[in-house]
Amino acid sequence: MSERSFHNVYNLSDEQLENLDKAEEMLESQHLNSAEKLLLDMLEKSPKCIPVLNNLGVLYGKYFLEYEKAISYYNEVLELEPSNEWARNERRRYERYLNY
């Protein structure tokens, strides 16, 4: 695999990194069910994988409009990494949608 231009903070394997890239491509090309399946398979293998949890939050919040499900994934991220401001902001956004 080619050298990555970022620091792999979560120590993800090459396979995980490749699958995350695939999932993001699927989201961009609107292959949402395929992205969901891939991300859920990844989560089953690594239930505490923060990038997978974040991507599931994006999938359910932005694409499926299932805000409660998105919030639950962001809650999981924040349990594992309380200082994750991105997850906190996304969760807050979807909580606002539920309160309208």
N, C-alpha and C. Protein backbone atom coordinates (compact mmCIF):
# COMPACT_ATOMS: atom_id res chain seq x y z
N MET A 1 0.85 -1.18 0.00
CA MET A 1 0.00 0.00 0.00
C MET A 1 0.89 1.23 0.00
N SER A 2 0.46 2.27 -0.66
CA SER A 2 1.24 3.50 -0.73
C SER A 2 1.23 4.21 0.62
N GLU A 3 2.22 5.03 0.84
CA GLU A 3 2.33 5.78 2.09
C GLU A 3 1.19 6.79 2.18
N ARG A 4 0.59 6.87 3.34
CA ARG A 4 -0.52 7.79 3.56
C ARG A 4 -0.01 9.16 3.98
N SER A 5 -0.74 10.18 3.60
CA SER A 5 -0.31 11.55 3.89
C SER A 5 -0.87 12.05 5.23
N PHE A 6 -1.40 11.18 6.05
CA PHE A 6 -1.92 11.58 7.36
C PHE A 6 -1.44 10.58 8.40
N HIS A 7 -1.52 10.98 9.65
CA HIS A 7 -1.14 10.10 10.74
C HIS A 7 -2.34 9.20 11.09
N ASN A 8 -2.12 7.93 11.12
CA ASN A 8 -3.17 6.94 11.40
C ASN A 8 -3.38 6.87 12.92
N VAL A 9 -4.08 7.86 13.47
CA VAL A 9 -4.25 7.99 14.91
C VAL A 9 -4.93 6.80 15.57
N TYR A 10 -5.79 6.13 14.85
CA TYR A 10 -6.52 5.01 15.43
C TYR A 10 -5.86 3.67 15.13
N ASN A 11 -4.67 3.70 14.55
CA ASN A 11 -3.92 2.48 14.24
C ASN A 11 -4.76 1.47 13.46
N LEU A 12 -5.45 1.95 12.46
CA LEU A 12 -6.28 1.09 11.63
C LEU A 12 -5.40 0.25 10.71
N SER A 13 -5.87 -0.94 10.42
CA SER A 13 -5.14 -1.81 9.49
C SER A 13 -5.32 -1.28 8.07
N ASP A 14 -4.49 -1.75 7.17
CA ASP A 14 -4.64 -1.37 5.77
C ASP A 14 -6.02 -1.76 5.26
N GLU A 15 -6.50 -2.92 5.67
CA GLU A 15 -7.84 -3.37 5.24
C GLU A 15 -8.92 -2.42 5.74
N GLN A 16 -8.82 -2.00 6.99
CA GLN A 16 -9.81 -1.06 7.53
C GLN A 16 -9.77 0.27 6.78
N LEU A 17 -8.56 0.76 6.51
CA LEU A 17 -8.42 2.01 5.79
C LEU A 17 -9.01 1.90 4.39
N GLU A 18 -8.75 0.80 3.71
CA GLU A 18 -9.29 0.59 2.37
C GLU A 18 -10.81 0.49 2.41
N ASN A 19 -11.34 -0.21 3.40
CA ASN A 19 -12.80 -0.35 3.50
C ASN A 19 -13.46 0.99 3.84
N LEU A 20 -12.82 1.79 4.67
CA LEU A 20 -13.37 3.12 4.96
C LEU A 20 -13.39 3.98 3.70
N ASP A 21 -12.32 3.89 2.91
CA ASP A 21 -12.29 4.62 1.63
C ASP A 21 -13.43 4.15 0.72
N LYS A 22 -13.63 2.84 0.65
CA LYS A 22 -14.71 2.28 -0.18
C LYS A 22 -16.07 2.79 0.31
N ALA A 23 -16.27 2.75 1.63
CA ALA A 23 -17.55 3.19 2.20
C ALA A 23 -17.81 4.66 1.87
N GLU A 24 -16.78 5.48 1.98
CA GLU A 24 -16.96 6.90 1.68
C GLU A 24 -17.26 7.12 0.19
N GLU A 25 -16.62 6.35 -0.67
CA GLU A 25 -16.93 6.42 -2.10
C GLU A 25 -18.37 6.01 -2.37
N MET A 26 -18.82 4.96 -1.67
CA MET A 26 -20.21 4.51 -1.82
C MET A 26 -21.19 5.59 -1.38
N LEU A 27 -20.87 6.27 -0.29
CA LEU A 27 -21.74 7.35 0.18
C LEU A 27 -21.81 8.46 -0.87
N GLU A 28 -20.66 8.84 -1.39
CA GLU A 28 -20.62 9.92 -2.39
C GLU A 28 -21.38 9.55 -3.66
N SER A 29 -21.36 8.27 -4.02
CA SER A 29 -22.05 7.85 -5.25
C SER A 29 -23.47 7.34 -4.96
N GLN A 30 -23.94 7.57 -3.73
CA GLN A 30 -25.31 7.23 -3.33
C GLN A 30 -25.61 5.73 -3.31
N HIS A 31 -24.59 4.91 -3.13
CA HIS A 31 -24.79 3.47 -2.94
C HIS A 31 -24.90 3.22 -1.43
N LEU A 32 -25.99 3.75 -0.88
CA LEU A 32 -26.13 3.83 0.57
C LEU A 32 -26.28 2.48 1.24
N ASN A 33 -27.05 1.58 0.65
CA ASN A 33 -27.23 0.27 1.26
C ASN A 33 -25.93 -0.52 1.28
N SER A 34 -25.14 -0.39 0.22
CA SER A 34 -23.84 -1.06 0.18
C SER A 34 -22.89 -0.47 1.22
N ALA A 35 -22.91 0.84 1.37
CA ALA A 35 -22.08 1.49 2.38
C ALA A 35 -22.50 1.04 3.78
N GLU A 36 -23.80 0.97 4.01
CA GLU A 36 -24.31 0.54 5.31
C GLU A 36 -23.84 -0.88 5.61
N LYS A 37 -23.97 -1.77 4.66
CA LYS A 37 -23.56 -3.16 4.88
C LYS A 37 -22.07 -3.24 5.19
N LEU A 38 -21.26 -2.54 4.42
CA LEU A 38 -19.82 -2.57 4.64
C LEU A 38 -19.47 -2.01 6.02
N LEU A 39 -20.05 -0.89 6.39
CA LEU A 39 -19.75 -0.29 7.68
C LEU A 39 -20.23 -1.16 8.84
N LEU A 40 -21.40 -1.76 8.71
CA LEU A 40 -21.89 -2.64 9.78
C LEU A 40 -21.04 -3.90 9.90
N ASP A 41 -20.56 -4.42 8.77
CA ASP A 41 -19.64 -5.56 8.81
C ASP A 41 -18.34 -5.17 9.52
N MET A 42 -17.85 -3.99 9.21
CA MET A 42 -16.62 -3.51 9.86
C MET A 42 -16.85 -3.32 11.37
N LEU A 43 -18.01 -2.80 11.73
CA LEU A 43 -18.32 -2.57 13.14
C LEU A 43 -18.41 -3.89 13.90
N GLU A 44 -18.96 -4.90 13.24
CA GLU A 44 -19.06 -6.21 13.88
C GLU A 44 -17.67 -6.75 14.23
N LYS A 45 -16.70 -6.52 13.36
CA LYS A 45 -15.33 -6.99 13.59
C LYS A 45 -14.59 -6.12 14.60
N SER A 46 -14.92 -4.84 14.63
CA SER A 46 -14.25 -3.88 15.52
C SER A 46 -15.28 -2.93 16.11
N PRO A 47 -15.99 -3.37 17.16
CA PRO A 47 -17.10 -2.58 17.70
C PRO A 47 -16.72 -1.22 18.29
N LYS A 48 -15.45 -0.99 18.53
CA LYS A 48 -15.03 0.29 19.11
C LYS A 48 -14.24 1.13 18.13
N CYS A 49 -14.42 0.89 16.85
CA CYS A 49 -13.68 1.62 15.82
C CYS A 49 -14.34 2.98 15.58
N ILE A 50 -13.72 4.02 16.10
CA ILE A 50 -14.30 5.36 16.05
C ILE A 50 -14.59 5.84 14.62
N PRO A 51 -13.68 5.65 13.65
CA PRO A 51 -14.01 6.10 12.29
C PRO A 51 -15.24 5.40 11.71
N VAL A 52 -15.43 4.14 12.03
CA VAL A 52 -16.61 3.42 11.54
C VAL A 52 -17.86 3.97 12.21
N LEU A 53 -17.80 4.17 13.52
CA LEU A 53 -18.94 4.74 14.24
C LEU A 53 -19.30 6.12 13.71
N ASN A 54 -18.29 6.94 13.46
CA ASN A 54 -18.54 8.28 12.89
C ASN A 54 -19.19 8.19 11.52
N ASN A 55 -18.70 7.29 10.69
CA ASN A 55 -19.27 7.15 9.35
C ASN A 55 -20.71 6.64 9.41
N LEU A 56 -21.01 5.77 10.35
CA LEU A 56 -22.39 5.32 10.52
C LEU A 56 -23.27 6.48 10.97
N GLY A 57 -22.74 7.34 11.83
CA GLY A 57 -23.48 8.54 12.22
C GLY A 57 -23.81 9.41 11.02
N VAL A 58 -22.83 9.58 10.15
CA VAL A 58 -23.04 10.37 8.92
C VAL A 58 -24.10 9.69 8.05
N LEU A 59 -23.96 8.40 7.85
CA LEU A 59 -24.89 7.65 7.00
C LEU A 59 -26.33 7.80 7.49
N TYR A 60 -26.54 7.55 8.78
CA TYR A 60 -27.91 7.59 9.30
C TYR A 60 -28.43 9.01 9.46
N GLY A 61 -27.58 9.95 9.78
CA GLY A 61 -28.04 11.33 9.95
C GLY A 61 -28.23 12.06 8.64
N LYS A 62 -27.19 12.08 7.82
CA LYS A 62 -27.22 12.87 6.59
C LYS A 62 -27.98 12.21 5.45
N TYR A 63 -27.84 10.91 5.32
CA TYR A 63 -28.40 10.23 4.15
C TYR A 63 -29.74 9.55 4.42
N PHE A 64 -29.87 8.87 5.56
CA PHE A 64 -31.11 8.16 5.85
C PHE A 64 -32.09 8.99 6.68
N LEU A 65 -31.62 10.12 7.22
CA LEU A 65 -32.44 11.00 8.07
C LEU A 65 -33.00 10.27 9.27
N GLU A 66 -32.25 9.31 9.76
CA GLU A 66 -32.61 8.57 10.98
C GLU A 66 -31.79 9.17 12.12
N TYR A 67 -32.29 10.29 12.63
CA TYR A 67 -31.52 11.10 13.56
C TYR A 67 -31.23 10.38 14.88
N GLU A 68 -32.20 9.64 15.39
CA GLU A 68 -31.97 8.94 16.65
C GLU A 68 -30.85 7.91 16.51
N LYS A 69 -30.82 7.22 15.39
CA LYS A 69 -29.77 6.24 15.15
C LYS A 69 -28.41 6.93 15.01
N ALA A 70 -28.39 8.05 14.30
CA ALA A 70 -27.15 8.81 14.16
C ALA A 70 -26.65 9.26 15.53
N ILE A 71 -27.54 9.77 16.35
CA ILE A 71 -27.19 10.23 17.69
C ILE A 71 -26.61 9.08 18.51
N SER A 72 -27.19 7.90 18.37
CA SER A 72 -26.68 6.76 19.16
C SER A 72 -25.25 6.40 18.75
N TYR A 73 -24.93 6.50 17.46
CA TYR A 73 -23.55 6.23 17.04
C TYR A 73 -22.61 7.31 17.55
N TYR A 74 -23.03 8.57 17.51
CA TYR A 74 -22.19 9.63 18.03
C TYR A 74 -22.02 9.50 19.55
N ASN A 75 -23.05 9.03 20.25
CA ASN A 75 -22.92 8.77 21.68
C ASN A 75 -21.85 7.71 21.94
N GLU A 76 -21.83 6.67 21.11
CA GLU A 76 -20.81 5.63 21.27
C GLU A 76 -19.42 6.21 21.07
N VAL A 77 -19.27 7.06 20.07
CA VAL A 77 -17.97 7.71 19.83
C VAL A 77 -17.57 8.50 21.08
N LEU A 78 -18.50 9.26 21.63
CA LEU A 78 -18.18 10.11 22.77
C LEU A 78 -17.91 9.32 24.04
N GLU A 79 -18.48 8.13 24.16
CA GLU A 79 -18.15 7.26 25.29
C GLU A 79 -16.70 6.80 25.19
N LEU A 80 -16.26 6.51 23.97
CA LEU A 80 -14.89 6.04 23.75
C LEU A 80 -13.89 7.19 23.73
N GLU A 81 -14.32 8.33 23.24
CA GLU A 81 -13.43 9.48 23.06
C GLU A 81 -14.19 10.76 23.44
N PRO A 82 -14.29 11.04 24.73
CA PRO A 82 -15.09 12.19 25.19
C PRO A 82 -14.67 13.53 24.61
N SER A 83 -13.45 13.66 24.16
CA SER A 83 -12.98 14.94 23.64
C SER A 83 -13.23 15.11 22.14
N ASN A 84 -13.96 14.20 21.52
CA ASN A 84 -14.20 14.26 20.08
C ASN A 84 -15.24 15.34 19.77
N GLU A 85 -14.75 16.54 19.46
CA GLU A 85 -15.63 17.69 19.22
C GLU A 85 -16.49 17.51 17.97
N TRP A 86 -15.94 16.86 16.94
CA TRP A 86 -16.70 16.67 15.72
C TRP A 86 -17.95 15.83 16.01
N ALA A 87 -17.78 14.72 16.73
CA ALA A 87 -18.93 13.87 17.07
C ALA A 87 -19.91 14.64 17.95
N ARG A 88 -19.39 15.43 18.88
CA ARG A 88 -20.26 16.20 19.77
C ARG A 88 -21.10 17.21 18.97
N ASN A 89 -20.47 17.88 18.02
CA ASN A 89 -21.19 18.86 17.20
C ASN A 89 -22.23 18.20 16.30
N GLU A 90 -21.88 17.07 15.72
CA GLU A 90 -22.84 16.34 14.87
C GLU A 90 -24.01 15.85 15.70
N ARG A 91 -23.73 15.31 16.87
CA ARG A 91 -24.81 14.84 17.75
C ARG A 91 -25.74 15.99 18.10
N ARG A 92 -25.15 17.14 18.44
CA ARG A 92 -25.95 18.32 18.80
C ARG A 92 -26.85 18.74 17.63
N ARG A 93 -26.29 18.70 16.42
CA ARG A 93 -27.08 19.09 15.25
C ARG A 93 -28.31 18.18 15.11
N TYR A 94 -28.12 16.87 15.21
CA TYR A 94 -29.24 15.95 15.02
C TYR A 94 -30.21 16.00 16.20
N GLU A 95 -29.72 16.31 17.38
CA GLU A 95 -30.63 16.49 18.52
C GLU A 95 -31.56 17.68 18.27
N ARG A 96 -31.03 18.72 17.64
CA ARG A 96 -31.87 19.88 17.31
C ARG A 96 -32.98 19.49 16.34
N TYR A 97 -32.66 18.65 15.37
CA TYR A 97 -33.68 18.21 14.41
C TYR A 97 -34.81 17.47 15.12
N LEU A 98 -34.48 16.69 16.13
CA LEU A 98 -35.50 15.94 16.86
C LEU A 98 -36.37 16.85 17.72
N ASN A 99 -35.83 17.99 18.12
CA ASN A 99 -36.56 18.90 19.00
C ASN A 99 -37.47 19.87 18.25
N TYR A 100 -37.48 19.82 16.92
CA TYR A 100 -38.35 20.72 16.14
C TYR A 100 -39.66 20.07 15.83
